[in-house]
C-alpha atoms as a PDB file:
ATOM      1  CA  MET A   1       0.000   0.000   0.000  1.00  0.00           C
ATOM      2  CA  LEU A   2       1.229   3.465  -0.795  1.00  0.00           C
ATOM      3  CA  THR A   3       0.627   5.080   2.610  1.00  0.00           C
ATOM      4  CA  GLY A   4       2.524   8.332   2.376  1.00  0.00           C
ATOM      5  CA  TRP A   5       4.026  10.579  -0.228  1.00  0.00           C
ATOM      6  CA  GLU A   6       5.355  14.060  -0.793  1.00  0.00           C
ATOM      7  CA  VAL A   7       5.895  15.787  -4.104  1.00  0.00           C
ATOM      8  CA  GLY A   8       7.106  19.324  -4.515  1.00  0.00           C
ATOM      9  CA  TYR A   9       9.218  21.823  -6.377  1.00  0.00           C
ATOM     10  CA  TRP A  10      12.715  22.995  -5.452  1.00  0.00           C
ATOM     11  CA  THR A  11      11.644  26.501  -6.469  1.00  0.00           C
ATOM     12  CA  THR A  12       8.680  28.635  -5.406  1.00  0.00           C
ATOM     13  CA  ASP A  13       5.560  30.112  -7.002  1.00  0.00           C
ATOM     14  CA  GLN A  14       4.523  27.305  -9.347  1.00  0.00           C
ATOM     15  CA  HIS A  15       1.158  26.938 -11.026  1.00  0.00           C
ATOM     16  CA  VAL A  16       0.487  23.185 -10.729  1.00  0.00           C
ATOM     17  CA  LYS A  17      -1.488  21.573 -13.536  1.00  0.00           C
ATOM     18  CA  ASP A  18      -1.032  17.825 -12.813  1.00  0.00           C
ATOM     19  CA  VAL A  19       0.016  15.989  -9.652  1.00  0.00           C
ATOM     20  CA  GLY A  20      -0.057  12.319  -8.659  1.00  0.00           C
ATOM     21  CA  ILE A  21       1.888   9.276  -7.479  1.00  0.00           C
ATOM     22  CA  TRP A  22       1.003   5.598  -7.835  1.00  0.00           C
ATOM     23  CA  ILE A  23       2.346   2.041  -7.664  1.00  0.00           C
ATOM     24  CA  ASP A  24       2.957   1.324 -11.317  1.00  0.00           C
ATOM     25  CA  ASN A  25       3.972  -2.334 -11.100  1.00  0.00           C
ATOM     26  CA  TRP A  26       4.720  -4.907  -8.416  1.00  0.00           C
ATOM     27  CA  SER A  27       5.669  -8.569  -8.050  1.00  0.00           C
ATOM     28  CA  TYR A  28       6.377 -10.972  -5.196  1.00  0.00           C
ATOM     29  CA  SER A  29       8.603 -14.031  -5.331  1.00  0.00           C
ATOM     30  CA  VAL A  30       8.588 -16.669  -2.588  1.00  0.00           C
ATOM     31  CA  GLY A  31      11.949 -17.661  -1.129  1.00  0.00           C
ATOM     32  CA  PRO A  32      13.080 -20.318   1.360  1.00  0.00           C
ATOM     33  CA  THR A  33      12.803 -17.982   4.372  1.00  0.00           C
ATOM     34  CA  GLY A  34      10.127 -15.554   3.188  1.00  0.00           C
ATOM     35  CA  GLY A  35       9.954 -13.636  -0.031  1.00  0.00           C
ATOM     36  CA  THR A  36      10.958 -10.565  -1.988  1.00  0.00           C
ATOM     37  CA  LEU A  37       8.665  -7.753  -3.025  1.00  0.00           C
ATOM     38  CA  HIS A  38       9.651  -5.621  -6.006  1.00  0.00           C
ATOM     39  CA  TYR A  39       7.698  -2.480  -6.859  1.00  0.00           C
ATOM     40  CA  ARG A  40       7.969   0.508  -9.147  1.00  0.00           C
ATOM     41  CA  LEU A  41       6.463   3.896  -8.398  1.00  0.00           C
ATOM     42  CA  SER A  42       5.537   6.537 -10.908  1.00  0.00           C
ATOM     43  CA  SER A  43       4.767  10.159 -10.200  1.00  0.00           C
ATOM     44  CA  THR A  44       3.878  13.325 -12.022  1.00  0.00           C
ATOM     45  CA  LEU A  45       4.121  16.970 -11.038  1.00  0.00           C
ATOM     46  CA  ARG A  46       3.718  19.461 -13.863  1.00  0.00           C
ATOM     47  CA  ASP A  47       3.236  23.177 -13.951  1.00  0.00           C
ATOM     48  CA  GLU A  48       2.295  25.446 -16.827  1.00  0.00           C
ATOM     49  CA  ASP A  49       5.851  25.843 -18.202  1.00  0.00           C
ATOM     50  CA  GLY A  50       7.149  22.317 -17.407  1.00  0.00           C
ATOM     51  CA  THR A  51      10.700  23.374 -16.503  1.00  0.00           C
ATOM     52  CA  PRO A  52      11.214  23.480 -12.692  1.00  0.00           C
ATOM     53  CA  TYR A  53      12.933  20.572 -10.980  1.00  0.00           C
ATOM     54  CA  ASN A  54      10.785  18.601  -8.585  1.00  0.00           C
ATOM     55  CA  TYR A  55      11.222  15.857  -5.996  1.00  0.00           C
ATOM     56  CA  GLU A  56       9.195  13.012  -4.547  1.00  0.00           C
ATOM     57  CA  HIS A  57       9.428  10.930  -1.382  1.00  0.00           C
ATOM     58  CA  HIS A  58       7.253   7.960  -0.565  1.00  0.00           C
ATOM     59  CA  LYS A  59       6.354   5.445   2.123  1.00  0.00           C
ATOM     60  CA  ILE A  60       5.230   1.918   1.359  1.00  0.00           C
ATOM     61  CA  THR A  61       3.561  -0.245   4.026  1.00  0.00           C
ATOM     62  CA  ILE A  62       3.412  -4.007   3.563  1.00  0.00           C
ATOM     63  CA  LEU A  63       0.295  -5.727   4.842  1.00  0.00           C
ATOM     64  CA  GLY A  64       0.560  -9.507   4.919  1.00  0.00           C
ATOM     65  CA  ILE A  65      -1.939 -12.057   6.120  1.00  0.00           C
ATOM     66  CA  ARG A  66      -0.640 -15.559   6.656  1.00  0.00           C
ATOM     67  CA  SER A  67      -2.176 -18.605   8.273  1.00  0.00           C
ATOM     68  CA  LEU A  68      -0.337 -19.627  11.433  1.00  0.00           C
ATOM     69  CA  SER A  69      -1.551 -23.229  11.308  1.00  0.00           C
ATOM     70  CA  PRO A  70      -3.230 -25.462   8.752  1.00  0.00           C
ATOM     71  CA  ALA A  71      -6.991 -25.241   8.598  1.00  0.00           C
ATOM     72  CA  VAL A  72      -8.774 -27.972  10.558  1.00  0.00           C
ATOM     73  CA  ARG A  73     -11.874 -29.442   9.003  1.00  0.00           C
ATOM     74  CA  GLN A  74     -14.618 -30.358  11.444  1.00  0.00           C
ATOM     75  CA  SER A  75     -16.605 -33.564  10.882  1.00  0.00           C
ATOM     76  CA  PRO A  76     -20.416 -33.190  10.891  1.00  0.00           C
END
């Protein structure tokens, strides 16, 4: 989950036209002691002249749900 982000300009007095950040692609591969999550973020921050330099910071939170024991089936 993308749980926090910050986008901004290094300069002042911009007239923002487009702004956004999103998880563009992700994959998970299972390993012997867990797994590896790979993700790619994309962002946009445009103003009316398109020239100022901008920055972005993000925070990703991993939410995992795993069974602690095998399911037990009850007999009727």
